[in-house]
Amino acid sequence: MTAGILTVTPTRWFTAIAAAVAVGAVSISSISQASASDDGRKLIPAHGHTIEAFVFGEGPETLIMAAGNGRPASQLTDLAKAIASAGIRTVVYNYRGIGASDGPLDGLTLVDYGNDVWAIADALGVQKVHLAGKTYGNRVMRAASQTRPDRVATIILVGAGGEVLPSPETIALYKRYLDPGVPKAEWLSLQAQLMYAPGNEKLAEKDAGEGEFPAVASAEAKASEATAKEAWSMGGTAPMLAITCLSDRVAVPENAFNIAKTRPNTWLAGLPGCGHNMINEQPEDLRRLIVGFIQARTGASK
C-alpha cells in the first residue's frame, strides 16, 4: 500500500515520491532473513548502567532508533536492516529493563532516556546522528534532540503523540495495557485492539513473540508524565519528519499535524491502513520515507 500524503505547503510537507527515490529494491522480508550473528551486538556503558545495542550496516550516516513503549529492540530489527541496506548505519537498542540493558527505572524522566541515546552515540564515536523514534520512542528522541540539538542531523517521528488525547475508551484500555499484572492473553487482546488498524489485529501475535514488558512500559509512562512538556515536545531544531498512521487510535493523527503546523523545518506524511504499530503494518512505506528523508538532506546514498 502506498503512502497517503497530505499536501498543503510544499516547503513543509514531505511526499512519498521524494521518499522513494534511490532507496533500492530490497524488501523488508528479504532483509529480515539475516542471521543473528550479523546483528553487531554491543554492551555500552551509560552513566553507571549498561545499554544493549545492535548495529546494522555501514555508511557515512548513522541513525539511532528507539522502540515503542515497553517494547524491545527486536521490534525494529527488520526495519533497521532494511534501512541499513540503503547505506545508512542503523542502531537499535533495548530500553533499561529489557534484554541485557539495566539501570534504575524509578525517578526517571524522558531526559534520562535521552541521555542513554547519547551514550550510544558516544560509544560509536559519532558526533552527529539521525534520530528516529516509534511512538513512545519519539518522545525519547525528541528529548534527546532538545538536549543536544547541535548533535542531530535529522529527527523522524513515527506515530507522534502527546498533544491531542485519544478517546476516553482508548485511555482506559491503555491504562489496563500498562498494568504489570495483566494476564498474557488479555495483554495480547489489548495489543491487538490498541496497536492495529481494523483488519490487522492478527499482527499482534508477532508482538507477543517478542515478549511483554509491562513493568518497563509502566515505568516509561511515569517518566513521560514526570517530564515538563517544554523539555521534549519540540524535539530540538533539526529537520523533522513526522509520520502518522491515519487509523492510529493512541497517537491520533492530529498530533503529527499540529507538530508540522507549528514547528519550523518540519515535514508530515500520512499513511492509510495502519494504526499505532505501523512497523508491522506498513514496513515498506516506512523504509522509503525514512531513507528518502535522510538521503535528501545529506546526499547519502548507496
C-alpha atoms as a PDB file:
ATOM      1  CA  MET A   1       0.000   0.000   0.000  1.00  0.00           C
ATOM      2  CA  THR A   2       1.404   3.387  -0.922  1.00  0.00           C
ATOM      3  CA  ALA A   3       1.596   6.339   1.397  1.00  0.00           C
ATOM      4  CA  GLY A   4      -1.274   8.768   1.521  1.00  0.00           C
ATOM      5  CA  ILE A   5       0.239  12.216   1.696  1.00  0.00           C
ATOM      6  CA  LEU A   6      -1.440  15.438   2.686  1.00  0.00           C
ATOM      7  CA  THR A   7      -0.039  18.227   0.513  1.00  0.00           C
ATOM      8  CA  VAL A   8      -0.583  21.776   1.683  1.00  0.00           C
ATOM      9  CA  THR A   9       2.609  23.820   1.809  1.00  0.00           C
ATOM     10  CA  PRO A  10       5.377  22.218  -0.288  1.00  0.00           C
ATOM     11  CA  THR A  11       8.188  23.501   1.932  1.00  0.00           C
ATOM     12  CA  ARG A  12       6.659  21.870   4.999  1.00  0.00           C
ATOM     13  CA  TRP A  13       5.193  18.623   3.699  1.00  0.00           C
ATOM     14  CA  PHE A  14       7.024  15.534   2.542  1.00  0.00           C
ATOM     15  CA  THR A  15       5.861  13.476  -0.435  1.00  0.00           C
ATOM     16  CA  ALA A  16       6.070   9.744  -0.960  1.00  0.00           C
ATOM     17  CA  ILE A  17       7.614  10.316  -4.387  1.00  0.00           C
ATOM     18  CA  ALA A  18      10.643  12.111  -2.935  1.00  0.00           C
ATOM     19  CA  ALA A  19      10.953   9.486  -0.225  1.00  0.00           C
ATOM     20  CA  ALA A  20      11.052   6.645  -2.719  1.00  0.00           C
ATOM     21  CA  VAL A  21      13.954   7.986  -4.780  1.00  0.00           C
ATOM     22  CA  ALA A  22      17.135   5.900  -4.845  1.00  0.00           C
ATOM     23  CA  VAL A  23      16.335   3.653  -1.887  1.00  0.00           C
ATOM     24  CA  GLY A  24      16.856   0.391  -3.775  1.00  0.00           C
ATOM     25  CA  ALA A  25      14.606  -2.570  -4.362  1.00  0.00           C
ATOM     26  CA  VAL A  26      15.405  -4.613  -1.260  1.00  0.00           C
ATOM     27  CA  SER A  27      12.308  -5.729   0.619  1.00  0.00           C
ATOM     28  CA  ILE A  28      11.800  -5.972   4.360  1.00  0.00           C
ATOM     29  CA  SER A  29      11.137  -9.704   4.110  1.00  0.00           C
ATOM     30  CA  SER A  30      14.405 -10.446   2.339  1.00  0.00           C
ATOM     31  CA  ILE A  31      16.496  -8.387   4.717  1.00  0.00           C
ATOM     32  CA  SER A  32      14.914  -9.992   7.789  1.00  0.00           C
ATOM     33  CA  GLN A  33      16.470 -13.343   6.911  1.00  0.00           C
ATOM     34  CA  ALA A  34      19.937 -12.175   8.063  1.00  0.00           C
ATOM     35  CA  SER A  35      21.229 -14.288  10.918  1.00  0.00           C
ATOM     36  CA  ALA A  36      21.517 -13.094  14.491  1.00  0.00           C
ATOM     37  CA  SER A  37      25.291 -13.288  14.146  1.00  0.00           C
ATOM     38  CA  ASP A  38      25.083 -10.247  11.862  1.00  0.00           C
ATOM     39  CA  ASP A  39      23.482  -8.051  14.490  1.00  0.00           C
ATOM     40  CA  GLY A  40      26.606  -6.226  15.763  1.00  0.00           C
ATOM     41  CA  ARG A  41      25.587  -6.545  19.401  1.00  0.00           C
ATOM     42  CA  LYS A  42      27.294  -4.101  21.754  1.00  0.00           C
ATOM     43  CA  LEU A  43      27.076  -3.584  25.513  1.00  0.00           C
ATOM     44  CA  ILE A  44      27.514   0.121  26.123  1.00  0.00           C
ATOM     45  CA  PRO A  45      28.324   1.713  29.498  1.00  0.00           C
ATOM     46  CA  ALA A  46      25.940   4.585  30.210  1.00  0.00           C
ATOM     47  CA  HIS A  47      26.240   6.615  33.413  1.00  0.00           C
ATOM     48  CA  GLY A  48      26.701   3.598  35.674  1.00  0.00           C
ATOM     49  CA  HIS A  49      24.441   1.152  33.836  1.00  0.00           C
ATOM     50  CA  THR A  50      24.521  -0.806  30.582  1.00  0.00           C
ATOM     51  CA  ILE A  51      22.647  -0.358  27.316  1.00  0.00           C
ATOM     52  CA  GLU A  52      22.400  -3.278  24.902  1.00  0.00           C
ATOM     53  CA  ALA A  53      22.578  -2.013  21.325  1.00  0.00           C
ATOM     54  CA  PHE A  54      22.583  -3.665  17.881  1.00  0.00           C
ATOM     55  CA  VAL A  55      24.371  -2.086  14.935  1.00  0.00           C
ATOM     56  CA  PHE A  56      23.427  -2.881  11.332  1.00  0.00           C
ATOM     57  CA  GLY A  57      25.328  -1.924   8.208  1.00  0.00           C
ATOM     58  CA  GLU A  58      27.917   0.710   7.449  1.00  0.00           C
ATOM     59  CA  GLY A  59      27.875   4.163   5.951  1.00  0.00           C
ATOM     60  CA  PRO A  60      28.747   7.812   6.477  1.00  0.00           C
ATOM     61  CA  GLU A  61      25.415   8.500   8.228  1.00  0.00           C
ATOM     62  CA  THR A  62      24.268   6.897  11.491  1.00  0.00           C
ATOM     63  CA  LEU A  63      20.620   6.510  12.503  1.00  0.00           C
ATOM     64  CA  ILE A  64      19.664   5.538  16.066  1.00  0.00           C
ATOM     65  CA  MET A  65      16.103   4.257  16.526  1.00  0.00           C
ATOM     66  CA  ALA A  66      14.047   3.836  19.713  1.00  0.00           C
ATOM     67  CA  ALA A  67      11.185   1.352  20.029  1.00  0.00           C
ATOM     68  CA  GLY A  68       7.658   1.833  21.352  1.00  0.00           C
ATOM     69  CA  ASN A  69       6.501   1.934  24.961  1.00  0.00           C
ATOM     70  CA  GLY A  70       7.997  -1.045  26.809  1.00  0.00           C
ATOM     71  CA  ARG A  71       8.987  -2.766  23.577  1.00  0.00           C
ATOM     72  CA  PRO A  72      12.306  -4.488  22.817  1.00  0.00           C
ATOM     73  CA  ALA A  73      14.845  -3.532  20.180  1.00  0.00           C
ATOM     74  CA  SER A  74      13.682  -6.541  18.153  1.00  0.00           C
ATOM     75  CA  GLN A  75      10.512  -4.574  17.314  1.00  0.00           C
ATOM     76  CA  LEU A  76      12.694  -2.502  14.975  1.00  0.00           C
ATOM     77  CA  THR A  77      15.189  -5.100  13.751  1.00  0.00           C
ATOM     78  CA  ASP A  78      13.627  -5.836  10.344  1.00  0.00           C
ATOM     79  CA  LEU A  79      13.175  -2.146   9.595  1.00  0.00           C
ATOM     80  CA  ALA A  80      16.718  -1.363  10.773  1.00  0.00           C
ATOM     81  CA  LYS A  81      18.225  -3.990   8.476  1.00  0.00           C
ATOM     82  CA  ALA A  82      16.234  -2.672   5.532  1.00  0.00           C
ATOM     83  CA  ILE A  83      17.359   0.918   6.183  1.00  0.00           C
ATOM     84  CA  ALA A  84      20.952  -0.267   6.595  1.00  0.00           C
ATOM     85  CA  SER A  85      20.753  -1.907   3.150  1.00  0.00           C
ATOM     86  CA  ALA A  86      20.489   1.631   1.725  1.00  0.00           C
ATOM     87  CA  GLY A  87      23.931   2.528   3.124  1.00  0.00           C
ATOM     88  CA  ILE A  88      22.849   4.087   6.413  1.00  0.00           C
ATOM     89  CA  ARG A  89      24.374   2.581   9.540  1.00  0.00           C
ATOM     90  CA  THR A  90      21.364   1.882  11.762  1.00  0.00           C
ATOM     91  CA  VAL A  91      21.327   1.227  15.501  1.00  0.00           C
ATOM     92  CA  VAL A  92      18.527  -0.122  17.694  1.00  0.00           C
ATOM     93  CA  TYR A  93      18.749  -0.716  21.423  1.00  0.00           C
ATOM     94  CA  ASN A  94      16.934  -2.188  24.374  1.00  0.00           C
ATOM     95  CA  TYR A  95      15.471   0.132  26.955  1.00  0.00           C
ATOM     96  CA  ARG A  96      16.502  -0.287  30.573  1.00  0.00           C
ATOM     97  CA  GLY A  97      14.989  -3.478  31.969  1.00  0.00           C
ATOM     98  CA  ILE A  98      14.855  -5.292  28.624  1.00  0.00           C
ATOM     99  CA  GLY A  99      17.438  -7.821  27.463  1.00  0.00           C
ATOM    100  CA  ALA A 100      20.909  -7.002  28.781  1.00  0.00           C
ATOM    101  CA  SER A 101      20.065  -3.328  29.358  1.00  0.00           C
ATOM    102  CA  ASP A 102      19.895  -2.496  33.043  1.00  0.00           C
ATOM    103  CA  GLY A 103      19.732   0.503  35.332  1.00  0.00           C
ATOM    104  CA  PRO A 104      17.168   2.149  37.582  1.00  0.00           C
ATOM    105  CA  LEU A 105      13.590   2.569  36.381  1.00  0.00           C
ATOM    106  CA  ASP A 106      12.270   4.746  39.190  1.00  0.00           C
ATOM    107  CA  GLY A 107      12.508   8.526  39.290  1.00  0.00           C
ATOM    108  CA  LEU A 108      13.375   8.920  35.610  1.00  0.00           C
ATOM    109  CA  THR A 109      12.379  11.498  33.018  1.00  0.00           C
ATOM    110  CA  LEU A 110      12.488  11.469  29.244  1.00  0.00           C
ATOM    111  CA  VAL A 111      15.764  13.375  29.504  1.00  0.00           C
ATOM    112  CA  ASP A 112      17.314  10.377  31.285  1.00  0.00           C
ATOM    113  CA  TYR A 113      16.196   8.075  28.497  1.00  0.00           C
ATOM    114  CA  GLY A 114      17.535  10.602  26.001  1.00  0.00           C
ATOM    115  CA  ASN A 115      20.910  10.561  27.739  1.00  0.00           C
ATOM    116  CA  ASP A 116      21.065   6.809  27.078  1.00  0.00           C
ATOM    117  CA  VAL A 117      20.851   7.654  23.378  1.00  0.00           C
ATOM    118  CA  TRP A 118      23.826   9.985  23.639  1.00  0.00           C
ATOM    119  CA  ALA A 119      25.780   7.311  25.478  1.00  0.00           C
ATOM    120  CA  ILE A 120      25.257   5.072  22.435  1.00  0.00           C
ATOM    121  CA  ALA A 121      26.379   7.806  20.028  1.00  0.00           C
ATOM    122  CA  ASP A 122      29.468   8.482  22.137  1.00  0.00           C
ATOM    123  CA  ALA A 123      30.375   4.782  22.271  1.00  0.00           C
ATOM    124  CA  LEU A 124      30.139   4.608  18.473  1.00  0.00           C
ATOM    125  CA  GLY A 125      32.333   7.684  18.137  1.00  0.00           C
ATOM    126  CA  VAL A 126      29.682   9.641  16.234  1.00  0.00           C
ATOM    127  CA  GLN A 127      29.307  13.363  16.816  1.00  0.00           C
ATOM    128  CA  LYS A 128      26.194  13.973  14.705  1.00  0.00           C
ATOM    129  CA  VAL A 129      23.419  11.415  14.226  1.00  0.00           C
ATOM    130  CA  HIS A 130      19.949  10.937  12.831  1.00  0.00           C
ATOM    131  CA  LEU A 131      17.303  10.048  15.414  1.00  0.00           C
ATOM    132  CA  ALA A 132      14.054   8.132  14.908  1.00  0.00           C
ATOM    133  CA  GLY A 133      11.518   7.006  17.464  1.00  0.00           C
ATOM    134  CA  LYS A 134       8.489   4.781  17.124  1.00  0.00           C
ATOM    135  CA  THR A 135       5.524   6.071  19.214  1.00  0.00           C
ATOM    136  CA  TYR A 136       6.900   6.374  22.792  1.00  0.00           C
ATOM    137  CA  GLY A 137      10.379   6.243  21.313  1.00  0.00           C
ATOM    138  CA  ASN A 138       9.849   9.518  19.509  1.00  0.00           C
ATOM    139  CA  ARG A 139       9.292  11.218  22.860  1.00  0.00           C
ATOM    140  CA  VAL A 140      12.675   9.855  23.934  1.00  0.00           C
ATOM    141  CA  MET A 141      14.277  11.086  20.720  1.00  0.00           C
ATOM    142  CA  ARG A 142      12.614  14.490  20.950  1.00  0.00           C
ATOM    143  CA  ALA A 143      14.044  14.844  24.464  1.00  0.00           C
ATOM    144  CA  ALA A 144      17.475  13.762  23.228  1.00  0.00           C
ATOM    145  CA  SER A 145      17.310  16.209  20.331  1.00  0.00           C
ATOM    146  CA  GLN A 146      16.164  19.051  22.544  1.00  0.00           C
ATOM    147  CA  THR A 147      19.019  18.366  24.987  1.00  0.00           C
ATOM    148  CA  ARG A 148      21.715  18.263  22.289  1.00  0.00           C
ATOM    149  CA  PRO A 149      20.376  19.982  19.153  1.00  0.00           C
ATOM    150  CA  ASP A 150      23.911  20.509  17.871  1.00  0.00           C
ATOM    151  CA  ARG A 151      24.350  16.742  17.500  1.00  0.00           C
ATOM    152  CA  VAL A 152      21.183  15.979  15.496  1.00  0.00           C
ATOM    153  CA  ALA A 153      21.218  15.851  11.695  1.00  0.00           C
ATOM    154  CA  THR A 154      17.528  14.920  11.318  1.00  0.00           C
ATOM    155  CA  ILE A 155      14.792  13.600  13.588  1.00  0.00           C
ATOM    156  CA  ILE A 156      11.986  11.301  12.491  1.00  0.00           C
ATOM    157  CA  LEU A 157       8.807  10.693  14.481  1.00  0.00           C
ATOM    158  CA  VAL A 158       6.833   7.532  13.776  1.00  0.00           C
ATOM    159  CA  GLY A 159       3.430   7.822  15.435  1.00  0.00           C
ATOM    160  CA  ALA A 160       3.800  11.103  17.320  1.00  0.00           C
ATOM    161  CA  GLY A 161       1.558  11.720  20.321  1.00  0.00           C
ATOM    162  CA  GLY A 162       1.407  13.851  23.423  1.00  0.00           C
ATOM    163  CA  GLU A 163      -0.668  16.814  22.291  1.00  0.00           C
ATOM    164  CA  VAL A 164      -4.178  15.605  21.382  1.00  0.00           C
ATOM    165  CA  LEU A 165      -5.527  12.922  23.717  1.00  0.00           C
ATOM    166  CA  PRO A 166      -7.136   9.727  22.442  1.00  0.00           C
ATOM    167  CA  SER A 167     -10.739   8.880  23.272  1.00  0.00           C
ATOM    168  CA  PRO A 168     -11.727   8.102  26.893  1.00  0.00           C
ATOM    169  CA  GLU A 169     -12.283   4.475  25.880  1.00  0.00           C
ATOM    170  CA  THR A 170      -8.775   4.215  24.453  1.00  0.00           C
ATOM    171  CA  ILE A 171      -7.266   5.859  27.545  1.00  0.00           C
ATOM    172  CA  ALA A 172      -8.991   3.312  29.780  1.00  0.00           C
ATOM    173  CA  LEU A 173      -7.772   0.403  27.641  1.00  0.00           C
ATOM    174  CA  TYR A 174      -4.239   1.773  27.622  1.00  0.00           C
ATOM    175  CA  LYS A 175      -4.167   2.092  31.404  1.00  0.00           C
ATOM    176  CA  ARG A 176      -5.098  -1.574  31.621  1.00  0.00           C
ATOM    177  CA  TYR A 177      -2.448  -2.386  29.000  1.00  0.00           C
ATOM    178  CA  LEU A 178       0.202  -0.803  31.251  1.00  0.00           C
ATOM    179  CA  ASP A 179      -0.844  -2.852  34.302  1.00  0.00           C
ATOM    180  CA  PRO A 180       2.122  -5.157  35.136  1.00  0.00           C
ATOM    181  CA  GLY A 181      -0.346  -7.755  36.449  1.00  0.00           C
ATOM    182  CA  VAL A 182      -2.367  -8.108  33.243  1.00  0.00           C
ATOM    183  CA  PRO A 183      -2.612 -11.775  32.089  1.00  0.00           C
ATOM    184  CA  LYS A 184      -0.800 -12.635  28.863  1.00  0.00           C
ATOM    185  CA  ALA A 185      -3.990 -13.473  26.959  1.00  0.00           C
ATOM    186  CA  GLU A 186      -5.559 -10.147  27.925  1.00  0.00           C
ATOM    187  CA  TRP A 187      -2.345  -8.298  27.055  1.00  0.00           C
ATOM    188  CA  LEU A 188      -2.442  -9.826  23.578  1.00  0.00           C
ATOM    189  CA  SER A 189      -6.073  -8.797  23.136  1.00  0.00           C
ATOM    190  CA  LEU A 190      -5.276  -5.238  24.229  1.00  0.00           C
ATOM    191  CA  GLN A 191      -2.266  -5.161  21.925  1.00  0.00           C
ATOM    192  CA  ALA A 192      -4.495  -6.091  19.004  1.00  0.00           C
ATOM    193  CA  GLN A 193      -7.165  -3.508  19.881  1.00  0.00           C
ATOM    194  CA  LEU A 194      -4.842  -0.617  20.629  1.00  0.00           C
ATOM    195  CA  MET A 195      -1.964  -1.066  18.243  1.00  0.00           C
ATOM    196  CA  TYR A 196      -3.507  -2.113  14.946  1.00  0.00           C
ATOM    197  CA  ALA A 197      -5.920  -0.809  12.363  1.00  0.00           C
ATOM    198  CA  PRO A 198      -9.103  -2.818  11.821  1.00  0.00           C
ATOM    199  CA  GLY A 199      -8.265  -5.964   9.883  1.00  0.00           C
ATOM    200  CA  ASN A 200      -4.636  -6.084  11.076  1.00  0.00           C
ATOM    201  CA  GLU A 201      -5.255  -7.375  14.611  1.00  0.00           C
ATOM    202  CA  LYS A 202      -3.607 -10.757  13.986  1.00  0.00           C
ATOM    203  CA  LEU A 203      -0.263  -8.976  13.666  1.00  0.00           C
ATOM    204  CA  ALA A 204      -0.304  -8.650  17.472  1.00  0.00           C
ATOM    205  CA  GLU A 205       0.886 -12.243  17.595  1.00  0.00           C
ATOM    206  CA  LYS A 206       4.266 -11.044  16.299  1.00  0.00           C
ATOM    207  CA  ASP A 207       4.488  -8.648  19.252  1.00  0.00           C
ATOM    208  CA  ALA A 208       3.737 -11.482  21.659  1.00  0.00           C
ATOM    209  CA  GLY A 209       6.638 -13.415  20.189  1.00  0.00           C
ATOM    210  CA  GLU A 210       8.947 -10.533  21.124  1.00  0.00           C
ATOM    211  CA  GLY A 211       7.831 -10.696  24.754  1.00  0.00           C
ATOM    212  CA  GLU A 212       5.786  -8.427  27.024  1.00  0.00           C
ATOM    213  CA  PHE A 213       7.404  -5.914  29.369  1.00  0.00           C
ATOM    214  CA  PRO A 214       4.522  -4.148  31.138  1.00  0.00           C
ATOM    215  CA  ALA A 215       6.672  -3.120  34.135  1.00  0.00           C
ATOM    216  CA  VAL A 216       9.071  -1.339  31.779  1.00  0.00           C
ATOM    217  CA  ALA A 217       6.149   0.220  29.886  1.00  0.00           C
ATOM    218  CA  SER A 218       4.651   1.493  33.132  1.00  0.00           C
ATOM    219  CA  ALA A 219       7.973   2.992  34.263  1.00  0.00           C
ATOM    220  CA  GLU A 220       8.408   4.713  30.904  1.00  0.00           C
ATOM    221  CA  ALA A 221       4.914   6.173  31.078  1.00  0.00           C
ATOM    222  CA  LYS A 222       5.734   7.593  34.513  1.00  0.00           C
ATOM    223  CA  ALA A 223       8.954   9.090  33.132  1.00  0.00           C
ATOM    224  CA  SER A 224       6.961  10.842  30.426  1.00  0.00           C
ATOM    225  CA  GLU A 225       4.491  12.212  32.972  1.00  0.00           C
ATOM    226  CA  ALA A 226       7.399  13.470  35.089  1.00  0.00           C
ATOM    227  CA  THR A 227       8.910  15.452  32.208  1.00  0.00           C
ATOM    228  CA  ALA A 228       7.929  19.041  31.539  1.00  0.00           C
ATOM    229  CA  LYS A 229       6.484  19.432  28.056  1.00  0.00           C
ATOM    230  CA  GLU A 230       8.989  22.112  27.132  1.00  0.00           C
ATOM    231  CA  ALA A 231      11.835  19.658  27.776  1.00  0.00           C
ATOM    232  CA  TRP A 232      10.855  17.390  24.878  1.00  0.00           C
ATOM    233  CA  SER A 233       7.856  18.321  22.748  1.00  0.00           C
ATOM    234  CA  MET A 234       9.541  20.478  20.062  1.00  0.00           C
ATOM    235  CA  GLY A 235      12.349  17.979  19.525  1.00  0.00           C
ATOM    236  CA  GLY A 236      15.127  20.491  19.031  1.00  0.00           C
ATOM    237  CA  THR A 237      15.746  22.334  15.775  1.00  0.00           C
ATOM    238  CA  ALA A 238      16.916  19.721  13.254  1.00  0.00           C
ATOM    239  CA  PRO A 239      14.846  18.956  10.136  1.00  0.00           C
ATOM    240  CA  MET A 240      11.953  16.749  11.266  1.00  0.00           C
ATOM    241  CA  LEU A 241       9.719  14.245   9.507  1.00  0.00           C
ATOM    242  CA  ALA A 242       6.510  13.380  11.369  1.00  0.00           C
ATOM    243  CA  ILE A 243       4.945  10.150  10.091  1.00  0.00           C
ATOM    244  CA  THR A 244       1.422   9.372  11.232  1.00  0.00           C
ATOM    245  CA  CYS A 245      -0.931   6.490  10.547  1.00  0.00           C
ATOM    246  CA  LEU A 246      -4.430   7.618   9.798  1.00  0.00           C
ATOM    247  CA  SER A 247      -6.043   4.827  11.860  1.00  0.00           C
ATOM    248  CA  ASP A 248      -3.891   5.339  14.964  1.00  0.00           C
ATOM    249  CA  ARG A 249      -6.241   5.445  17.962  1.00  0.00           C
ATOM    250  CA  VAL A 250      -3.472   6.048  20.546  1.00  0.00           C
ATOM    251  CA  ALA A 251      -1.303   8.741  18.945  1.00  0.00           C
ATOM    252  CA  VAL A 252      -4.144  10.251  16.952  1.00  0.00           C
ATOM    253  CA  PRO A 253      -3.087  11.864  13.629  1.00  0.00           C
ATOM    254  CA  GLU A 254      -3.945  15.362  14.826  1.00  0.00           C
ATOM    255  CA  ASN A 255      -0.787  15.238  16.952  1.00  0.00           C
ATOM    256  CA  ALA A 256       1.534  14.974  13.959  1.00  0.00           C
ATOM    257  CA  PHE A 257      -0.487  17.582  12.074  1.00  0.00           C
ATOM    258  CA  ASN A 258      -0.110  20.065  14.937  1.00  0.00           C
ATOM    259  CA  ILE A 259       3.648  19.473  15.136  1.00  0.00           C
ATOM    260  CA  ALA A 260       4.068  20.083  11.403  1.00  0.00           C
ATOM    261  CA  LYS A 261       1.840  23.159  11.541  1.00  0.00           C
ATOM    262  CA  THR A 262       3.643  24.844  14.443  1.00  0.00           C
ATOM    263  CA  ARG A 263       7.267  23.655  14.298  1.00  0.00           C
ATOM    264  CA  PRO A 264       9.647  25.175  11.740  1.00  0.00           C
ATOM    265  CA  ASN A 265      11.582  22.894   9.403  1.00  0.00           C
ATOM    266  CA  THR A 266       9.067  20.039   9.711  1.00  0.00           C
ATOM    267  CA  TRP A 267       7.505  17.722   7.121  1.00  0.00           C
ATOM    268  CA  LEU A 268       4.447  15.499   7.513  1.00  0.00           C
ATOM    269  CA  ALA A 269       3.491  12.157   5.929  1.00  0.00           C
ATOM    270  CA  GLY A 270       0.210  10.304   6.499  1.00  0.00           C
ATOM    271  CA  LEU A 271      -0.130   6.556   5.879  1.00  0.00           C
ATOM    272  CA  PRO A 272      -3.518   4.891   5.370  1.00  0.00           C
ATOM    273  CA  GLY A 273      -4.448   1.418   6.567  1.00  0.00           C
ATOM    274  CA  CYS A 274      -2.335   1.319   9.701  1.00  0.00           C
ATOM    275  CA  GLY A 275      -2.547   2.097  13.410  1.00  0.00           C
ATOM    276  CA  HIS A 276      -0.184   2.599  16.319  1.00  0.00           C
ATOM    277  CA  ASN A 277       2.116  -0.294  15.385  1.00  0.00           C
ATOM    278  CA  MET A 278       2.722   0.655  11.786  1.00  0.00           C
ATOM    279  CA  ILE A 279       6.125  -1.040  11.963  1.00  0.00           C
ATOM    280  CA  ASN A 280       4.338  -4.321  11.196  1.00  0.00           C
ATOM    281  CA  GLU A 281       1.574  -2.851   9.052  1.00  0.00           C
ATOM    282  CA  GLN A 282       3.429  -0.608   6.591  1.00  0.00           C
ATOM    283  CA  PRO A 283       7.139  -1.520   6.800  1.00  0.00           C
ATOM    284  CA  GLU A 284       7.965  -0.777   3.157  1.00  0.00           C
ATOM    285  CA  ASP A 285       6.420   2.689   3.222  1.00  0.00           C
ATOM    286  CA  LEU A 286       8.271   3.473   6.439  1.00  0.00           C
ATOM    287  CA  ARG A 287      11.564   2.367   4.944  1.00  0.00           C
ATOM    288  CA  ARG A 288      11.083   4.533   1.858  1.00  0.00           C
ATOM    289  CA  LEU A 289      10.071   7.574   3.863  1.00  0.00           C
ATOM    290  CA  ILE A 290      12.901   7.319   6.414  1.00  0.00           C
ATOM    291  CA  VAL A 291      15.647   6.556   3.906  1.00  0.00           C
ATOM    292  CA  GLY A 292      14.406   9.176   1.477  1.00  0.00           C
ATOM    293  CA  PHE A 293      14.252  11.875   4.141  1.00  0.00           C
ATOM    294  CA  ILE A 294      17.807  11.195   5.325  1.00  0.00           C
ATOM    295  CA  GLN A 295      19.235  10.925   1.826  1.00  0.00           C
ATOM    296  CA  ALA A 296      17.536  14.112   0.664  1.00  0.00           C
ATOM    297  CA  ARG A 297      19.182  16.068   3.473  1.00  0.00           C
ATOM    298  CA  THR A 298      22.635  14.511   3.450  1.00  0.00           C
ATOM    299  CA  GLY A 299      23.243  13.235  -0.056  1.00  0.00           C
ATOM    300  CA  ALA A 300      23.950   9.830   1.457  1.00  0.00           C
ATOM    301  CA  SER A 301      23.039   7.063  -0.972  1.00  0.00           C
ATOM    302  CA  LYS A 302      24.373   3.617  -1.568  1.00  0.00           C
END
